[in-house]
Protein backbone atom coordinates (compact mmCIF):
# COMPACT_ATOMS: atom_id res chain seq x y z
CA MET A 1 92.19 55.55 102.11
CA GLN A 2 95.35 55.19 100.07
CA ASP A 3 94.40 58.20 97.93
CA LYS A 4 93.87 60.36 101.03
CA GLN A 5 97.22 59.27 102.45
CA GLY A 6 98.94 60.00 99.15
CA SER A 7 97.34 63.44 98.98
CA SER A 8 98.37 64.11 102.58
CA ASN A 9 101.98 63.19 101.77
CA VAL A 10 101.98 65.48 98.74
CA ASP A 11 100.66 68.36 100.83
CA PHE A 12 103.24 67.65 103.52
CA TYR A 13 106.21 67.61 101.15
CA ASN A 14 104.95 70.71 99.28
CA SER A 15 104.71 72.48 102.64
CA MET A 16 108.15 71.30 103.69
CA ARG A 17 109.65 72.37 100.36
CA LYS A 18 108.24 75.86 100.77
CA LYS A 19 109.55 76.11 104.29
CA TRP A 20 112.95 74.80 103.21
CA TRP A 21 113.22 77.35 100.44
CA ALA A 22 112.02 80.06 102.75
CA ARG A 23 114.78 79.22 105.27
CA ILE A 24 117.45 79.21 102.52
CA ILE A 25 116.22 82.51 101.11
CA MET A 26 116.10 84.21 104.52
CA TRP A 27 119.60 82.92 105.29
CA GLY A 28 120.81 84.37 102.01
CA PHE A 29 119.16 87.73 102.76
CA ASP A 30 120.82 87.81 106.15
CA LEU A 31 124.26 87.25 104.54
CA LEU A 32 123.58 90.03 101.99
CA TYR A 33 122.60 92.42 104.76
CA HIS A 34 125.70 91.62 106.80
CA GLN A 35 128.88 89.72 105.87
CA TYR A 36 128.30 89.86 102.12
CA SER A 37 126.81 93.36 101.85
CA TRP A 38 129.54 94.12 99.30
CA ILE A 39 127.63 91.98 96.72
CA TYR A 40 124.21 93.36 97.64
CA ASP A 41 124.10 95.64 94.62
CA PHE A 42 124.86 92.76 92.26
CA ALA A 43 122.16 90.55 93.85
CA ALA A 44 119.66 93.41 93.62
CA TRP A 45 120.58 93.97 89.97
CA LEU A 46 120.18 90.24 89.30
CA VAL A 47 116.61 89.95 90.63
CA SER A 48 115.36 93.26 89.17
CA ALA A 49 117.09 93.40 85.76
CA GLY A 50 119.05 96.37 87.01
CA LYS A 51 116.03 98.37 88.21
CA TRP A 52 116.15 97.82 91.98
CA ASN A 53 117.02 101.39 92.97
CA ASP A 54 114.59 102.78 90.42
CA TRP A 55 111.83 100.67 91.91
CA ILE A 56 112.57 102.08 95.36
CA ARG A 57 112.49 105.63 94.00
CA ALA A 58 109.20 104.93 92.26
CA ALA A 59 107.65 103.88 95.58
CA GLY A 60 109.22 106.96 97.18
CA TRP A 61 106.85 109.22 95.22
CA LEU A 62 104.01 107.84 97.39
CA VAL A 63 105.58 109.41 100.48
CA PRO A 64 103.90 112.70 101.40
CA LYS A 65 105.63 115.70 102.93
CA GLY A 66 106.29 115.35 106.64
CA PRO A 67 108.70 113.46 108.87
CA LEU A 68 109.65 110.01 107.52
CA LEU A 69 111.05 106.88 109.17
CA ASP A 70 112.55 104.42 106.67
CA MET A 71 112.77 101.02 108.35
CA GLY A 72 115.39 98.64 107.06
CA CYS A 73 116.84 101.57 105.17
CA GLY A 74 119.54 99.41 103.59
CA LYS A 75 121.84 101.44 101.35
CA GLY A 76 119.80 104.61 101.78
CA ILE A 77 118.14 104.90 98.35
CA LEU A 78 114.75 105.92 99.69
CA LEU A 79 116.38 108.30 102.18
CA GLN A 80 118.30 109.94 99.37
CA HIS A 81 115.05 110.35 97.41
CA ALA A 82 113.37 111.89 100.49
CA VAL A 83 116.21 114.37 101.06
CA GLU A 84 116.03 115.44 97.42
CA ARG A 85 112.32 116.21 98.00
CA ASP A 86 113.08 118.15 101.22
CA ILE A 87 111.39 115.51 103.41
CA PRO A 88 112.93 115.22 106.88
CA ALA A 89 113.90 111.60 107.30
CA ILE A 90 115.46 109.12 109.72
CA GLY A 91 116.86 105.76 108.60
CA LEU A 92 116.75 102.68 110.82
CA ASP A 93 118.52 99.40 110.20
CA GLU A 94 119.82 96.54 112.30
CA SER A 95 122.84 95.97 110.04
CA PRO A 96 125.94 98.08 110.71
CA GLN A 97 127.20 97.24 107.24
CA MET A 98 124.09 98.69 105.61
CA LEU A 99 124.22 101.80 107.75
CA ARG A 100 127.79 102.38 106.62
CA HIS A 101 126.68 102.16 103.02
CA SER A 102 123.85 104.59 103.73
CA SER A 103 126.21 107.01 105.44
CA ARG A 104 128.57 107.02 102.44
CA LEU A 105 125.72 107.57 99.98
CA LEU A 106 124.13 110.36 101.98
CA ASN A 107 127.48 111.97 102.82
CA GLU A 108 126.75 114.14 105.84
CA ARG A 109 123.28 115.18 104.75
CA ASP A 110 120.90 116.47 107.38
CA LEU A 111 119.35 113.22 108.65
CA ARG A 112 119.89 110.58 111.32
CA LEU A 113 120.81 106.93 110.91
CA ILE A 114 119.93 104.67 113.82
CA ARG A 115 121.02 101.11 114.45
CA ALA A 116 117.99 99.32 115.96
CA VAL A 117 115.43 96.63 115.21
CA GLY A 118 111.91 97.32 114.07
CA GLN A 119 110.43 95.60 117.10
CA SER A 120 111.96 98.21 119.39
CA ILE A 121 112.23 101.66 117.80
CA PRO A 122 114.21 104.03 120.07
CA ILE A 123 112.09 107.09 119.21
CA LYS A 124 109.27 108.73 121.12
CA ALA A 125 105.62 108.26 120.13
CA GLY A 126 103.79 110.28 117.51
CA VAL A 127 106.75 111.62 115.51
CA PHE A 128 106.35 110.49 111.89
CA GLN A 129 103.88 111.27 109.15
CA THR A 130 105.04 108.18 107.23
CA VAL A 131 106.88 104.93 107.98
CA THR A 132 108.25 103.11 104.99
CA ALA A 133 109.87 99.74 104.33
CA THR A 134 111.11 98.62 100.90
CA PHE A 135 111.46 94.91 100.13
CA PRO A 136 111.46 94.09 103.86
CA ALA A 137 112.02 90.72 105.52
CA PRO A 138 108.96 89.15 107.28
CA TYR A 139 109.77 90.92 110.53
CA ILE A 140 107.78 93.90 109.20
CA PHE A 141 104.49 91.99 109.70
CA GLU A 142 105.28 90.76 113.21
CA PRO A 143 102.94 92.19 115.88
CA ALA A 144 105.85 93.74 117.78
CA THR A 145 106.96 95.63 114.65
CA LEU A 146 103.47 96.77 113.66
CA ASN A 147 102.75 97.95 117.20
CA GLU A 148 105.96 100.01 117.17
CA ILE A 149 105.09 101.51 113.80
CA ARG A 150 101.65 102.40 115.12
CA ARG A 151 103.23 104.02 118.19
CA VAL A 152 105.65 106.28 116.30
CA LEU A 153 103.15 107.44 113.69
CA LYS A 154 101.38 110.75 114.08
CA PRO A 155 97.58 110.80 114.07
CA GLY A 156 96.59 110.43 110.43
CA GLY A 157 100.02 109.05 109.51
CA LYS A 158 100.46 106.02 107.32
CA MET A 159 102.70 103.02 106.67
CA ILE A 160 103.91 102.32 103.09
CA ILE A 161 105.51 98.98 102.31
CA LEU A 162 106.99 98.11 98.95
CA VAL A 163 106.52 94.34 99.00
CA THR A 164 107.87 93.16 95.68
CA GLY A 165 108.30 93.98 92.02
CA GLU A 166 107.13 92.05 88.97
CA VAL A 167 109.22 92.63 85.89
CA THR A 168 107.19 93.27 82.74
CA GLY A 169 109.93 93.57 80.14
CA SER A 170 110.69 91.05 77.38
CA THR A 171 114.45 90.63 77.61
CA LEU A 172 115.86 87.15 78.35
CA HIS A 173 116.98 88.35 81.78
CA GLU A 174 113.48 89.57 82.62
CA LYS A 175 111.86 86.35 81.39
CA ILE A 176 114.19 84.33 83.59
CA ILE A 177 113.30 86.49 86.61
CA ARG A 178 109.56 85.99 86.02
CA PHE A 179 110.08 82.22 85.73
CA ALA A 180 112.11 82.10 88.95
CA TYR A 181 109.55 84.17 90.89
CA GLY A 182 106.78 81.86 89.78
CA LEU A 183 108.82 78.72 90.47
CA PHE A 184 109.49 79.66 94.09
CA GLY A 185 106.02 81.05 94.75
CA PHE A 186 107.02 84.69 95.22
CA SER A 187 104.22 86.01 93.01
CA ARG A 188 101.06 87.03 94.83
CA THR A 189 98.09 88.94 93.51
CA PRO A 190 96.87 91.94 95.48
CA ASP A 191 93.72 90.06 96.49
CA SER A 192 95.62 87.06 97.86
CA LEU A 193 98.12 89.28 99.65
CA GLN A 194 95.31 91.38 101.09
CA THR A 195 93.78 88.21 102.52
CA TYR A 196 97.13 86.98 103.81
CA LEU A 197 97.94 90.23 105.62
CA GLN A 198 94.51 91.36 106.74
CA GLU A 199 94.55 89.53 110.06
CA PRO A 200 97.96 90.72 111.41
CA LEU A 201 97.24 94.30 110.26
CA ARG A 202 93.79 94.26 111.87
CA LYS A 203 95.07 92.80 115.12
CA CYS A 204 97.57 95.65 115.41
CA GLY A 205 95.00 98.32 114.65
CA PHE A 206 95.72 99.00 110.95
CA MET A 207 93.43 99.21 107.98
CA GLY A 208 95.00 99.19 104.55
CA HIS A 209 94.93 98.16 100.93
CA VAL A 210 97.23 96.57 98.41
CA GLU A 211 97.83 98.10 95.01
CA TRP A 212 100.05 97.84 91.98
CA ILE A 213 101.96 100.97 90.94
CA ALA A 214 103.95 101.48 87.77
CA GLY A 215 107.73 101.20 87.97
CA PRO A 216 110.51 101.04 85.38
CA ASN A 217 109.90 97.87 83.38
CA ALA A 218 107.81 96.54 86.28
CA ARG A 219 104.69 96.56 88.37
CA LEU A 220 105.35 97.21 92.05
CA LEU A 221 103.20 95.76 94.78
CA VAL A 222 102.64 98.23 97.61
CA ILE A 223 100.73 98.14 100.89
CA VAL A 224 99.39 101.43 102.26
CA ALA A 225 97.90 101.23 105.74
CA GLN A 226 96.80 103.57 108.52
CA PRO A 227 96.05 103.07 112.20
CA VAL A 228 92.34 103.09 112.98
């Protein structure tokens, strides 16, 4: 009986620790997207060994021709890549600070930036060939968000989500990043992530797969899904 109780306590504290770290991390993300957006680039450099924007561009090559909605567009890196490929694109973000950064980067290029949340996209149904999200917060897997993505996609359209990157280099910086990701449980294999996400995707009418793609000094974990 004592062993079971001890095991139960260990499970409880492990669960609480994960939830505690998750709350701290999400709080930090929120600050980076808003009040402290001016240090966003440094934070991105820190966790990617300077390859953050290159990772986003690598995922951008998965985007086919046709209208694109980039959700949580951040500083506009994927939008810039789309424009360079002559892909008509709209960027959506809740953060006014991030939209200002995007506007400066894109500098009057022929696209729209919209301030809105993913759970309520102010665009008519059936517009986009692709909806993307790069390194999104957990909102992207909420039913309200997935239902909105499904609504705005054209028949045959798809959703592409760049979930995370795993550095593969051998510099001290890259070794520290790998250690930190493992320490806080950020690393997931495609199989475990597929299992984790299968139910919310299925409930909202999506079928998809998880794959690794090559990125600069990294492997990038991507979800590609389509309404069924």
